[in-house]
C-alpha atoms as a PDB file:
ATOM      1  CA  MET A   1     -30.937  66.056 -82.178  1.00  0.00           C
ATOM      2  CA  ASN A   2     -31.182  68.742 -79.129  1.00  0.00           C
ATOM      3  CA  LEU A   3     -30.535  67.686 -75.864  1.00  0.00           C
ATOM      4  CA  ASP A   4     -32.069  70.938 -74.262  1.00  0.00           C
ATOM      5  CA  GLU A   5     -35.223  69.270 -71.893  1.00  0.00           C
ATOM      6  CA  LYS A   6     -34.100  65.508 -72.835  1.00  0.00           C
ATOM      7  CA  SER A   7     -33.718  63.113 -69.915  1.00  0.00           C
ATOM      8  CA  LEU A   8     -30.768  61.115 -70.357  1.00  0.00           C
ATOM      9  CA  LEU A   9     -29.604  57.657 -68.912  1.00  0.00           C
ATOM     10  CA  ILE A  10     -26.024  56.772 -68.510  1.00  0.00           C
ATOM     11  CA  THR A  11     -25.317  53.381 -67.632  1.00  0.00           C
ATOM     12  CA  GLY A  12     -21.781  52.839 -65.761  1.00  0.00           C
ATOM     13  CA  GLY A  13     -22.527  56.494 -65.212  1.00  0.00           C
ATOM     14  CA  THR A  14     -20.197  56.452 -62.200  1.00  0.00           C
ATOM     15  CA  GLY A  15     -17.154  55.523 -64.317  1.00  0.00           C
ATOM     16  CA  SER A  16     -14.701  57.999 -65.680  1.00  0.00           C
ATOM     17  CA  PHE A  17     -16.587  58.380 -68.949  1.00  0.00           C
ATOM     18  CA  GLY A  18     -19.723  58.696 -67.090  1.00  0.00           C
ATOM     19  CA  LYS A  19     -18.625  61.469 -64.859  1.00  0.00           C
ATOM     20  CA  LYS A  20     -16.892  63.366 -67.990  1.00  0.00           C
ATOM     21  CA  LEU A  21     -20.105  63.337 -69.754  1.00  0.00           C
ATOM     22  CA  THR A  22     -22.147  64.260 -67.022  1.00  0.00           C
ATOM     23  CA  GLU A  23     -20.080  67.543 -66.371  1.00  0.00           C
ATOM     24  CA  ILE A  24     -20.208  68.433 -70.027  1.00  0.00           C
ATOM     25  CA  LEU A  25     -24.002  67.629 -70.319  1.00  0.00           C
ATOM     26  CA  LEU A  26     -24.647  69.986 -66.951  1.00  0.00           C
ATOM     27  CA  ASN A  27     -22.392  72.932 -67.945  1.00  0.00           C
ATOM     28  CA  GLU A  28     -22.888  73.407 -71.991  1.00  0.00           C
ATOM     29  CA  TYR A  29     -26.709  71.760 -72.234  1.00  0.00           C
ATOM     30  CA  SER A  30     -30.092  72.251 -70.500  1.00  0.00           C
ATOM     31  CA  PRO A  31     -30.979  68.552 -69.758  1.00  0.00           C
ATOM     32  CA  ARG A  32     -34.502  68.076 -67.825  1.00  0.00           C
ATOM     33  CA  ARG A  33     -32.661  65.377 -65.641  1.00  0.00           C
ATOM     34  CA  VAL A  34     -29.637  63.091 -66.083  1.00  0.00           C
ATOM     35  CA  ILE A  35     -29.947  59.889 -64.913  1.00  0.00           C
ATOM     36  CA  ILE A  36     -26.524  58.186 -63.158  1.00  0.00           C
ATOM     37  CA  TYR A  37     -27.458  54.049 -63.418  1.00  0.00           C
ATOM     38  CA  SER A  38     -24.878  51.789 -61.487  1.00  0.00           C
ATOM     39  CA  ARG A  39     -24.358  48.953 -59.395  1.00  0.00           C
ATOM     40  CA  ASP A  40     -21.669  50.859 -56.538  1.00  0.00           C
ATOM     41  CA  GLU A  41     -23.585  52.705 -53.798  1.00  0.00           C
ATOM     42  CA  TYR A  42     -20.417  54.303 -52.526  1.00  0.00           C
ATOM     43  CA  LYS A  43     -19.412  55.326 -56.111  1.00  0.00           C
ATOM     44  CA  GLN A  44     -22.472  57.045 -56.767  1.00  0.00           C
ATOM     45  CA  PHE A  45     -22.324  58.818 -53.465  1.00  0.00           C
ATOM     46  CA  ALA A  46     -19.035  60.114 -54.053  1.00  0.00           C
ATOM     47  CA  MET A  47     -20.331  61.424 -56.957  1.00  0.00           C
ATOM     48  CA  GLN A  48     -23.375  63.174 -55.336  1.00  0.00           C
ATOM     49  CA  ASN A  49     -20.509  64.911 -53.115  1.00  0.00           C
ATOM     50  CA  ASP A  50     -18.354  65.796 -55.986  1.00  0.00           C
ATOM     51  CA  PRO A  51     -18.281  69.319 -56.197  1.00  0.00           C
ATOM     52  CA  ARG A  52     -18.852  69.528 -59.879  1.00  0.00           C
ATOM     53  CA  PHE A  53     -22.260  67.770 -59.217  1.00  0.00           C
ATOM     54  CA  GLN A  54     -23.411  68.878 -55.801  1.00  0.00           C
ATOM     55  CA  SER A  55     -26.769  69.849 -55.147  1.00  0.00           C
ATOM     56  CA  ASP A  56     -27.578  69.732 -59.027  1.00  0.00           C
ATOM     57  CA  ARG A  57     -31.166  69.317 -59.116  1.00  0.00           C
ATOM     58  CA  ARG A  58     -31.441  67.782 -62.477  1.00  0.00           C
ATOM     59  CA  LEU A  59     -29.230  64.643 -61.161  1.00  0.00           C
ATOM     60  CA  ARG A  60     -30.991  61.489 -60.832  1.00  0.00           C
ATOM     61  CA  PHE A  61     -28.748  58.475 -58.770  1.00  0.00           C
ATOM     62  CA  PHE A  62     -30.376  55.037 -59.417  1.00  0.00           C
ATOM     63  CA  ILE A  63     -28.706  51.923 -58.342  1.00  0.00           C
ATOM     64  CA  GLY A  64     -28.920  49.009 -60.444  1.00  0.00           C
ATOM     65  CA  ASP A  65     -27.060  46.438 -62.779  1.00  0.00           C
ATOM     66  CA  VAL A  66     -27.476  46.212 -66.221  1.00  0.00           C
ATOM     67  CA  ARG A  67     -27.773  42.395 -65.709  1.00  0.00           C
ATOM     68  CA  ASP A  68     -31.314  43.228 -63.649  1.00  0.00           C
ATOM     69  CA  LEU A  69     -33.887  43.662 -66.888  1.00  0.00           C
ATOM     70  CA  HIS A  70     -36.525  44.712 -64.545  1.00  0.00           C
ATOM     71  CA  ARG A  71     -34.424  47.677 -62.938  1.00  0.00           C
ATOM     72  CA  LEU A  72     -33.503  48.841 -66.072  1.00  0.00           C
ATOM     73  CA  SER A  73     -36.339  48.947 -67.964  1.00  0.00           C
ATOM     74  CA  ARG A  74     -37.881  51.175 -64.749  1.00  0.00           C
ATOM     75  CA  ALA A  75     -34.837  53.511 -65.204  1.00  0.00           C
ATOM     76  CA  CYS A  76     -35.579  53.997 -68.830  1.00  0.00           C
ATOM     77  CA  ASP A  77     -39.178  55.135 -67.916  1.00  0.00           C
ATOM     78  CA  GLY A  78     -39.222  58.644 -69.341  1.00  0.00           C
ATOM     79  CA  VAL A  79     -35.447  58.746 -70.941  1.00  0.00           C
ATOM     80  CA  HIS A  80     -34.652  60.112 -74.393  1.00  0.00           C
ATOM     81  CA  VAL A  81     -31.770  59.025 -74.632  1.00  0.00           C
ATOM     82  CA  VAL A  82     -29.431  56.322 -73.179  1.00  0.00           C
ATOM     83  CA  VAL A  83     -25.643  56.453 -72.862  1.00  0.00           C
ATOM     84  CA  HIS A  84     -24.702  52.877 -72.206  1.00  0.00           C
ATOM     85  CA  ALA A  85     -20.898  52.665 -70.689  1.00  0.00           C
ATOM     86  CA  ALA A  86     -21.521  49.942 -68.324  1.00  0.00           C
ATOM     87  CA  ALA A  87     -19.161  47.224 -68.756  1.00  0.00           C
ATOM     88  CA  LEU A  88     -16.584  44.690 -67.368  1.00  0.00           C
ATOM     89  CA  LYS A  89     -13.398  46.197 -68.992  1.00  0.00           C
ATOM     90  CA  GLN A  90     -10.111  44.381 -67.532  1.00  0.00           C
ATOM     91  CA  VAL A  91      -8.913  41.864 -69.728  1.00  0.00           C
ATOM     92  CA  PRO A  92      -7.364  39.667 -67.283  1.00  0.00           C
ATOM     93  CA  ALA A  93     -10.293  39.279 -64.775  1.00  0.00           C
ATOM     94  CA  ALA A  94     -12.362  38.767 -67.888  1.00  0.00           C
ATOM     95  CA  GLU A  95      -9.860  35.741 -68.542  1.00  0.00           C
ATOM     96  CA  TYR A  96     -10.577  34.530 -65.376  1.00  0.00           C
ATOM     97  CA  ASN A  97     -13.834  35.242 -64.697  1.00  0.00           C
ATOM     98  CA  PRO A  98     -16.007  34.158 -68.301  1.00  0.00           C
ATOM     99  CA  PHE A  99     -19.068  34.511 -67.703  1.00  0.00           C
ATOM    100  CA  GLU A 100     -18.952  37.225 -65.102  1.00  0.00           C
ATOM    101  CA  ALA A 101     -18.579  39.288 -68.522  1.00  0.00           C
ATOM    102  CA  VAL A 102     -20.847  37.732 -70.619  1.00  0.00           C
ATOM    103  CA  LYS A 103     -23.949  38.332 -68.217  1.00  0.00           C
ATOM    104  CA  THR A 104     -22.483  41.546 -68.048  1.00  0.00           C
ATOM    105  CA  ASN A 105     -21.348  42.713 -71.602  1.00  0.00           C
ATOM    106  CA  VAL A 106     -23.618  40.613 -73.324  1.00  0.00           C
ATOM    107  CA  ILE A 107     -26.319  40.015 -71.781  1.00  0.00           C
ATOM    108  CA  GLY A 108     -26.750  43.426 -70.070  1.00  0.00           C
ATOM    109  CA  ALA A 109     -26.503  44.789 -73.571  1.00  0.00           C
ATOM    110  CA  GLN A 110     -29.376  42.794 -74.580  1.00  0.00           C
ATOM    111  CA  ASN A 111     -31.065  44.086 -71.795  1.00  0.00           C
ATOM    112  CA  VAL A 112     -30.508  48.110 -72.784  1.00  0.00           C
ATOM    113  CA  ILE A 113     -31.676  46.922 -76.349  1.00  0.00           C
ATOM    114  CA  ASP A 114     -34.794  45.858 -74.702  1.00  0.00           C
ATOM    115  CA  SER A 115     -35.490  48.041 -71.639  1.00  0.00           C
ATOM    116  CA  ALA A 116     -34.851  51.064 -74.612  1.00  0.00           C
ATOM    117  CA  VAL A 117     -37.630  49.829 -76.874  1.00  0.00           C
ATOM    118  CA  GLU A 118     -40.097  48.582 -74.695  1.00  0.00           C
ATOM    119  CA  ARG A 119     -39.729  52.647 -73.294  1.00  0.00           C
ATOM    120  CA  GLY A 120     -39.481  54.188 -76.300  1.00  0.00           C
ATOM    121  CA  VAL A 121     -36.100  55.686 -75.769  1.00  0.00           C
ATOM    122  CA  GLU A 122     -35.217  57.685 -78.781  1.00  0.00           C
ATOM    123  CA  LYS A 123     -31.614  57.404 -78.837  1.00  0.00           C
ATOM    124  CA  ILE A 124     -28.779  54.696 -77.747  1.00  0.00           C
ATOM    125  CA  VAL A 125     -25.493  55.008 -78.188  1.00  0.00           C
ATOM    126  CA  ALA A 126     -23.003  51.942 -76.789  1.00  0.00           C
ATOM    127  CA  LEU A 127     -19.315  52.377 -76.148  1.00  0.00           C
ATOM    128  CA  SER A 128     -17.212  49.919 -77.615  1.00  0.00           C
ATOM    129  CA  THR A 129     -13.435  49.188 -77.974  1.00  0.00           C
ATOM    130  CA  ASP A 130     -10.805  48.657 -80.520  1.00  0.00           C
ATOM    131  CA  LYS A 131     -10.524  45.529 -78.875  1.00  0.00           C
ATOM    132  CA  ALA A 132     -13.747  44.396 -80.494  1.00  0.00           C
ATOM    133  CA  ALA A 133     -12.034  44.734 -83.542  1.00  0.00           C
ATOM    134  CA  ASN A 134     -11.132  41.254 -84.698  1.00  0.00           C
ATOM    135  CA  PRO A 135     -10.978  40.235 -81.146  1.00  0.00           C
ATOM    136  CA  ILE A 136      -8.500  37.671 -79.599  1.00  0.00           C
ATOM    137  CA  ASN A 137      -9.213  37.777 -75.826  1.00  0.00           C
ATOM    138  CA  LEU A 138     -12.733  37.447 -74.081  1.00  0.00           C
ATOM    139  CA  TYR A 139     -13.487  40.979 -73.277  1.00  0.00           C
ATOM    140  CA  GLY A 140     -13.165  42.016 -76.989  1.00  0.00           C
ATOM    141  CA  ALA A 141     -15.500  38.939 -78.305  1.00  0.00           C
ATOM    142  CA  THR A 142     -18.033  40.120 -75.791  1.00  0.00           C
ATOM    143  CA  LYS A 143     -17.872  43.807 -77.018  1.00  0.00           C
ATOM    144  CA  LEU A 144     -17.828  42.698 -80.845  1.00  0.00           C
ATOM    145  CA  CYS A 145     -21.504  40.679 -79.632  1.00  0.00           C
ATOM    146  CA  SER A 146     -22.451  43.583 -78.091  1.00  0.00           C
ATOM    147  CA  ASP A 147     -21.607  45.804 -80.627  1.00  0.00           C
ATOM    148  CA  LYS A 148     -23.786  43.311 -83.354  1.00  0.00           C
ATOM    149  CA  LEU A 149     -26.701  43.369 -80.973  1.00  0.00           C
ATOM    150  CA  PHE A 150     -26.891  47.040 -81.029  1.00  0.00           C
ATOM    151  CA  ILE A 151     -26.849  47.169 -84.527  1.00  0.00           C
ATOM    152  CA  ALA A 152     -29.535  44.724 -84.615  1.00  0.00           C
ATOM    153  CA  GLY A 153     -31.900  46.732 -82.286  1.00  0.00           C
ATOM    154  CA  ASN A 154     -32.678  48.855 -85.173  1.00  0.00           C
ATOM    155  CA  ALA A 155     -34.395  46.058 -86.769  1.00  0.00           C
ATOM    156  CA  LEU A 156     -35.581  44.785 -83.611  1.00  0.00           C
ATOM    157  CA  ALA A 157     -37.048  48.291 -82.791  1.00  0.00           C
ATOM    158  CA  GLY A 158     -39.383  47.649 -86.010  1.00  0.00           C
ATOM    159  CA  SER A 159     -41.679  50.551 -86.317  1.00  0.00           C
ATOM    160  CA  ARG A 160     -40.874  52.337 -82.992  1.00  0.00           C
ATOM    161  CA  ASN A 161     -38.733  55.381 -83.404  1.00  0.00           C
ATOM    162  CA  THR A 162     -36.026  54.225 -81.658  1.00  0.00           C
ATOM    163  CA  LYS A 163     -32.613  54.294 -82.749  1.00  0.00           C
ATOM    164  CA  PHE A 164     -29.506  52.351 -82.041  1.00  0.00           C
ATOM    165  CA  SER A 165     -25.701  53.208 -82.604  1.00  0.00           C
ATOM    166  CA  VAL A 166     -21.788  52.210 -81.799  1.00  0.00           C
ATOM    167  CA  VAL A 167     -19.224  54.175 -80.812  1.00  0.00           C
ATOM    168  CA  ARG A 168     -15.619  52.516 -81.085  1.00  0.00           C
ATOM    169  CA  TYR A 169     -12.006  54.494 -80.006  1.00  0.00           C
ATOM    170  CA  GLY A 170      -8.984  53.368 -78.428  1.00  0.00           C
ATOM    171  CA  ASN A 171      -7.071  53.714 -75.263  1.00  0.00           C
ATOM    172  CA  VAL A 172      -8.019  56.631 -73.393  1.00  0.00           C
ATOM    173  CA  VAL A 173      -5.215  58.580 -71.581  1.00  0.00           C
ATOM    174  CA  GLY A 174      -5.235  58.010 -68.063  1.00  0.00           C
ATOM    175  CA  SER A 175      -7.950  56.079 -67.715  1.00  0.00           C
ATOM    176  CA  ARG A 176      -8.027  53.610 -64.726  1.00  0.00           C
ATOM    177  CA  GLY A 177      -5.400  50.711 -64.541  1.00  0.00           C
ATOM    178  CA  SER A 178      -4.045  51.847 -67.906  1.00  0.00           C
ATOM    179  CA  VAL A 179      -0.424  52.192 -69.098  1.00  0.00           C
ATOM    180  CA  VAL A 180       0.030  56.351 -67.885  1.00  0.00           C
ATOM    181  CA  PRO A 181      -0.571  55.697 -64.764  1.00  0.00           C
ATOM    182  CA  PHE A 182       1.247  53.151 -64.363  1.00  0.00           C
ATOM    183  CA  PHE A 183       4.101  54.298 -65.645  1.00  0.00           C
ATOM    184  CA  LEU A 184       4.106  57.395 -63.656  1.00  0.00           C
ATOM    185  CA  SER A 185       3.825  55.167 -60.784  1.00  0.00           C
ATOM    186  CA  LYS A 186       6.797  53.098 -61.962  1.00  0.00           C
ATOM    187  CA  ARG A 187       9.415  56.120 -63.448  1.00  0.00           C
ATOM    188  CA  LYS A 188      11.762  56.879 -60.102  1.00  0.00           C
ATOM    189  CA  GLU A 189      12.074  52.824 -59.900  1.00  0.00           C
ATOM    190  CA  GLY A 190      14.144  53.797 -62.839  1.00  0.00           C
ATOM    191  CA  VAL A 191      12.978  50.793 -65.170  1.00  0.00           C
ATOM    192  CA  LEU A 192      10.098  50.751 -67.365  1.00  0.00           C
ATOM    193  CA  PRO A 193       8.366  47.248 -68.000  1.00  0.00           C
ATOM    194  CA  ILE A 194       7.696  47.238 -71.660  1.00  0.00           C
ATOM    195  CA  THR A 195       5.868  44.406 -73.036  1.00  0.00           C
ATOM    196  CA  ASP A 196       7.090  44.836 -76.799  1.00  0.00           C
ATOM    197  CA  GLN A 197       8.967  47.271 -78.453  1.00  0.00           C
ATOM    198  CA  ARG A 198       7.237  47.517 -81.404  1.00  0.00           C
ATOM    199  CA  MET A 199       3.554  47.872 -79.559  1.00  0.00           C
ATOM    200  CA  THR A 200       1.674  50.435 -80.817  1.00  0.00           C
ATOM    201  CA  ARG A 201      -1.913  51.760 -79.575  1.00  0.00           C
ATOM    202  CA  PHE A 202      -4.317  54.316 -80.860  1.00  0.00           C
ATOM    203  CA  TRP A 203      -4.598  57.508 -78.006  1.00  0.00           C
ATOM    204  CA  ILE A 204      -7.785  59.572 -77.118  1.00  0.00           C
ATOM    205  CA  THR A 205      -8.122  61.729 -74.012  1.00  0.00           C
ATOM    206  CA  LEU A 206     -11.304  61.628 -72.131  1.00  0.00           C
ATOM    207  CA  GLU A 207     -12.993  65.052 -73.017  1.00  0.00           C
ATOM    208  CA  GLN A 208     -12.449  64.102 -76.425  1.00  0.00           C
ATOM    209  CA  GLY A 209     -13.920  60.867 -76.607  1.00  0.00           C
ATOM    210  CA  VAL A 210     -16.865  62.648 -74.518  1.00  0.00           C
ATOM    211  CA  ARG A 211     -17.357  64.988 -76.717  1.00  0.00           C
ATOM    212  CA  PHE A 212     -17.134  62.255 -79.823  1.00  0.00           C
ATOM    213  CA  VAL A 213     -19.948  60.287 -78.471  1.00  0.00           C
ATOM    214  CA  LEU A 214     -22.119  63.817 -78.398  1.00  0.00           C
ATOM    215  CA  SER A 215     -21.517  64.304 -81.832  1.00  0.00           C
ATOM    216  CA  CYS A 216     -22.202  61.070 -82.535  1.00  0.00           C
ATOM    217  CA  LEU A 217     -25.262  61.082 -80.938  1.00  0.00           C
ATOM    218  CA  LYS A 218     -26.609  64.315 -82.547  1.00  0.00           C
ATOM    219  CA  THR A 219     -26.696  63.037 -86.115  1.00  0.00           C
ATOM    220  CA  MET A 220     -26.930  59.268 -85.683  1.00  0.00           C
ATOM    221  CA  LYS A 221     -29.826  57.868 -88.087  1.00  0.00           C
ATOM    222  CA  GLY A 222     -29.287  54.289 -86.208  1.00  0.00           C
ATOM    223  CA  GLY A 223     -26.916  51.646 -87.335  1.00  0.00           C
ATOM    224  CA  GLU A 224     -23.697  53.148 -87.427  1.00  0.00           C
ATOM    225  CA  LEU A 225     -20.770  52.475 -86.176  1.00  0.00           C
ATOM    226  CA  TYR A 226     -18.442  55.317 -85.136  1.00  0.00           C
ATOM    227  CA  VAL A 227     -14.559  55.447 -85.475  1.00  0.00           C
ATOM    228  CA  PRO A 228     -12.758  58.730 -84.816  1.00  0.00           C
ATOM    229  CA  LYS A 229      -9.668  59.626 -86.427  1.00  0.00           C
ATOM    230  CA  ILE A 230      -7.086  59.579 -83.634  1.00  0.00           C
ATOM    231  CA  PRO A 231      -3.363  59.351 -83.778  1.00  0.00           C
ATOM    232  CA  SER A 232      -0.993  56.493 -82.878  1.00  0.00           C
ATOM    233  CA  MET A 233       1.906  56.240 -80.598  1.00  0.00           C
ATOM    234  CA  LYS A 234       4.739  53.465 -79.791  1.00  0.00           C
ATOM    235  CA  ILE A 235       4.608  52.313 -76.507  1.00  0.00           C
ATOM    236  CA  THR A 236       8.721  52.894 -76.151  1.00  0.00           C
ATOM    237  CA  ASP A 237       7.800  56.350 -77.023  1.00  0.00           C
ATOM    238  CA  LEU A 238       5.608  56.689 -74.005  1.00  0.00           C
ATOM    239  CA  ALA A 239       7.898  55.235 -71.790  1.00  0.00           C
ATOM    240  CA  ASN A 240      10.658  58.235 -73.214  1.00  0.00           C
ATOM    241  CA  VAL A 241       7.805  60.911 -72.422  1.00  0.00           C
ATOM    242  CA  ILE A 242       7.164  59.494 -69.045  1.00  0.00           C
ATOM    243  CA  ALA A 243      10.689  58.877 -67.669  1.00  0.00           C
ATOM    244  CA  PRO A 244      13.302  59.207 -70.121  1.00  0.00           C
ATOM    245  CA  GLU A 245      16.041  58.532 -68.410  1.00  0.00           C
ATOM    246  CA  ALA A 246      14.650  55.181 -67.280  1.00  0.00           C
ATOM    247  CA  ASP A 247      15.322  51.637 -68.722  1.00  0.00           C
ATOM    248  CA  HIS A 248      13.041  49.448 -70.585  1.00  0.00           C
ATOM    249  CA  GLU A 249      12.726  46.055 -69.526  1.00  0.00           C
ATOM    250  CA  VAL A 250      11.082  43.687 -72.135  1.00  0.00           C
ATOM    251  CA  VAL A 251       8.360  41.732 -70.231  1.00  0.00           C
ATOM    252  CA  GLY A 252       6.739  39.834 -73.398  1.00  0.00           C
ATOM    253  CA  ILE A 253       2.908  40.437 -74.515  1.00  0.00           C
ATOM    254  CA  ARG A 254       0.624  39.632 -71.894  1.00  0.00           C
ATOM    255  CA  PRO A 255      -2.145  36.826 -72.938  1.00  0.00           C
ATOM    256  CA  GLY A 256      -4.970  38.239 -74.690  1.00  0.00           C
ATOM    257  CA  GLU A 257      -3.106  41.255 -75.865  1.00  0.00           C
ATOM    258  CA  LYS A 258      -2.215  42.393 -79.699  1.00  0.00           C
ATOM    259  CA  LEU A 259       1.129  43.819 -80.630  1.00  0.00           C
ATOM    260  CA  HIS A 260      -1.267  46.323 -82.625  1.00  0.00           C
ATOM    261  CA  GLU A 261      -4.536  47.470 -82.273  1.00  0.00           C
ATOM    262  CA  VAL A 262      -7.381  47.855 -85.350  1.00  0.00           C
ATOM    263  CA  MET A 263     -10.284  49.687 -85.311  1.00  0.00           C
ATOM    264  CA  VAL A 264     -11.693  48.999 -89.010  1.00  0.00           C
ATOM    265  CA  PRO A 265     -10.762  45.429 -90.287  1.00  0.00           C
ATOM    266  CA  GLU A 266     -10.130  44.717 -93.662  1.00  0.00           C
ATOM    267  CA  ASP A 267     -13.461  43.092 -93.662  1.00  0.00           C
ATOM    268  CA  ASP A 268     -16.077  45.962 -92.658  1.00  0.00           C
ATOM    269  CA  ALA A 269     -13.745  48.138 -94.963  1.00  0.00           C
ATOM    270  CA  ARG A 270     -16.374  47.183 -97.822  1.00  0.00           C
ATOM    271  CA  ASN A 271     -19.147  48.718 -95.683  1.00  0.00           C
ATOM    272  CA  ALA A 272     -17.053  51.840 -94.151  1.00  0.00           C
ATOM    273  CA  VAL A 273     -17.554  55.568 -95.492  1.00  0.00           C
ATOM    274  CA  GLU A 274     -14.316  57.659 -94.740  1.00  0.00           C
ATOM    275  CA  LEU A 275     -15.416  61.287 -93.463  1.00  0.00           C
ATOM    276  CA  LYS A 276     -13.108  64.128 -92.380  1.00  0.00           C
ATOM    277  CA  ASP A 277     -12.844  63.352 -88.805  1.00  0.00           C
ATOM    278  CA  ARG A 278     -14.159  59.769 -88.325  1.00  0.00           C
ATOM    279  CA  PHE A 279     -14.827  56.522 -90.368  1.00  0.00           C
ATOM    280  CA  VAL A 280     -18.390  55.060 -90.346  1.00  0.00           C
ATOM    281  CA  ILE A 281     -19.115  51.512 -90.603  1.00  0.00           C
ATOM    282  CA  LEU A 282     -22.313  51.253 -91.794  1.00  0.00           C
ATOM    283  CA  PRO A 283     -25.086  48.337 -91.494  1.00  0.00           C
ATOM    284  CA  PRO A 284     -24.444  45.168 -94.419  1.00  0.00           C
ATOM    285  CA  ASP A 285     -28.394  45.604 -95.077  1.00  0.00           C
ATOM    286  CA  ASP A 286     -28.822  49.081 -97.762  1.00  0.00           C
ATOM    287  CA  TRP A 287     -31.402  50.803 -95.462  1.00  0.00           C
ATOM    288  CA  GLN A 288     -31.857  54.225 -97.412  1.00  0.00           C
ATOM    289  CA  ARG A 289     -31.506  56.363 -93.983  1.00  0.00           C
ATOM    290  CA  HIS A 290     -27.399  56.276 -94.804  1.00  0.00           C
ATOM    291  CA  ASP A 291     -27.275  57.541 -98.645  1.00  0.00           C
ATOM    292  CA  PRO A 292     -27.193  61.313 -97.809  1.00  0.00           C
ATOM    293  CA  LEU A 293     -23.972  59.915 -95.007  1.00  0.00           C
ATOM    294  CA  ARG A 294     -22.541  57.856 -98.134  1.00  0.00           C
ATOM    295  CA  SER A 295     -22.636  61.107-100.548  1.00  0.00           C
ATOM    296  CA  GLN A 296     -20.863  63.036 -97.693  1.00  0.00           C
ATOM    297  CA  GLY A 297     -18.502  60.658 -97.105  1.00  0.00           C
ATOM    298  CA  ARG A 298     -15.760  58.836 -99.825  1.00  0.00           C
ATOM    299  CA  ALA A 299     -16.030  54.685 -99.740  1.00  0.00           C
ATOM    300  CA  CYS A 300     -13.434  52.718 -98.166  1.00  0.00           C
ATOM    301  CA  ALA A 301     -11.438  50.764-100.429  1.00  0.00           C
ATOM    302  CA  LYS A 302     -11.533  47.145-100.322  1.00  0.00           C
ATOM    303  CA  ASP A 303      -8.697  46.187 -98.625  1.00  0.00           C
ATOM    304  CA  PHE A 304      -8.305  49.247 -96.181  1.00  0.00           C
ATOM    305  CA  LYS A 305      -7.475  48.715 -92.502  1.00  0.00           C
ATOM    306  CA  TYR A 306      -7.238  51.339 -89.652  1.00  0.00           C
ATOM    307  CA  ALA A 307      -4.849  50.015 -87.599  1.00  0.00           C
ATOM    308  CA  SER A 308      -2.085  51.378 -84.949  1.00  0.00           C
ATOM    309  CA  ASP A 309       1.032  50.548 -86.927  1.00  0.00           C
ATOM    310  CA  SER A 310      -0.499  51.761 -90.112  1.00  0.00           C
ATOM    311  CA  ASN A 311      -2.061  55.176 -89.034  1.00  0.00           C
ATOM    312  CA  ASP A 312      -0.845  58.106 -90.665  1.00  0.00           C
ATOM    313  CA  CYS A 313      -1.457  59.769 -87.920  1.00  0.00           C
ATOM    314  CA  TRP A 314       0.917  59.954 -85.118  1.00  0.00           C
ATOM    315  CA  LEU A 315       1.055  61.654 -81.489  1.00  0.00           C
ATOM    316  CA  ALA A 316       4.501  63.835 -81.071  1.00  0.00           C
ATOM    317  CA  GLU A 317       6.081  63.965 -78.087  1.00  0.00           C
ATOM    318  CA  SER A 318       4.610  67.709 -76.941  1.00  0.00           C
ATOM    319  CA  GLU A 319       1.161  66.604 -77.348  1.00  0.00           C
ATOM    320  CA  LEU A 320       1.146  63.506 -75.562  1.00  0.00           C
ATOM    321  CA  SER A 321       3.326  65.347 -72.861  1.00  0.00           C
ATOM    322  CA  GLU A 322       0.193  68.167 -72.669  1.00  0.00           C
ATOM    323  CA  MET A 323      -2.287  65.143 -72.248  1.00  0.00           C
ATOM    324  CA  ILE A 324      -0.802  63.799 -69.392  1.00  0.00           C
ATOM    325  CA  ALA A 325      -0.072  67.048 -67.803  1.00  0.00           C
ATOM    326  CA  ASP A 326      -4.146  67.476 -68.174  1.00  0.00           C
ATOM    327  CA  LEU A 327      -5.029  64.394 -66.220  1.00  0.00           C
ATOM    328  CA  GLY A 328      -5.538  65.999 -63.114  1.00  0.00           C
ATOM    329  CA  ILE A 329      -4.447  62.972 -61.180  1.00  0.00           C
ATOM    330  CA  PRO A 330      -1.642  63.691 -58.397  1.00  0.00           C
ATOM    331  CA  GLU A 331       1.226  61.663 -60.251  1.00  0.00           C
ATOM    332  CA  ALA A 332       0.100  63.834 -63.512  1.00  0.00           C
ATOM    333  CA  GLU A 333       0.360  66.908 -61.686  1.00  0.00           C
ATOM    334  CA  GLU A 334       4.145  66.044 -59.725  1.00  0.00           C
ATOM    335  CA  TRP A 335       5.376  65.141 -63.386  1.00  0.00           C
ATOM    336  CA  ALA A 336       4.450  68.161 -65.198  1.00  0.00           C
ATOM    337  CA  ILE A 337       5.833  69.987 -62.253  1.00  0.00           C
ATOM    338  CA  GLU A 338       9.218  68.506 -62.511  1.00  0.00           C
ATOM    339  CA  LYS A 339       8.980  69.247 -66.729  1.00  0.00           C
ATOM    340  CA  GLY A 340       8.225  72.867 -66.155  1.00  0.00           C
ATOM    341  CA  LEU A 341       4.579  72.185 -67.414  1.00  0.00           C
ATOM    342  CA  ARG A 342       2.770  73.829 -64.740  1.00  0.00           C
END
């Protein structure tokens, strides 16, 4: 799909992902307009005054919540593409405020689907998370439900030319509330709290995540759940890169947290296809639109599982160092200078 002269809507557009996606769209494509849909007026004000976006007449800012079907439907008027990035993502907050997470992550997802079908949107990509695979916390459970809703949205669309797909990937290096900024802030204390020395995670940069979503948007036929092939790293290796001189204090796994993350569970492998740079979980219905994809890829073994501890690609310390140095936050800049990377 050519995005030039298209109108795009980004829910949760003032978040880290939304801003990076907007930056790439405005710099590398020629969209007719990019609509930022979010509920925080201050974040919209700050984004409007960001030098990357200031005075760009292709940008539109809609204050609204994905919980509000009427407002969302109005925002989708004349839109060709929706990237759904809005969600309540903090695991502890979702555990303590469970129905708030349901209203945003589940009911909000259905509102996006209904609005897109009603307004004739052509393509919708919804962002998922590794926590949606075999979920053990409410956030993961709501995102799994959201994933199922978006895949089923293709049947709801009926004869309309509206297609839904999902993108699932792992931890974004340096995202708000993540472990990298936390370790950077704690490193000078000489002790880093480690949940479990065996813990592993998938890692991806913000830009890699955005470009992966764009690649899926261009090729999707509807009903696919895309998973990028990305490296893993042990939490102790991350700690050693950030603060090699610091001691480790094992504090235990937090409620709702996994020892290792999974992105393609065994039960989904029977419907998964492996390509060079990604896995694609296809809908259980044998839709003809995916026949070319099946022929391009290799069917995954029935007992296959794509998990962070059994991954065959591991992040080297030098690669992680470059990722941290490129974060663009003050703590990372200071760390990179100290390490001689800048």
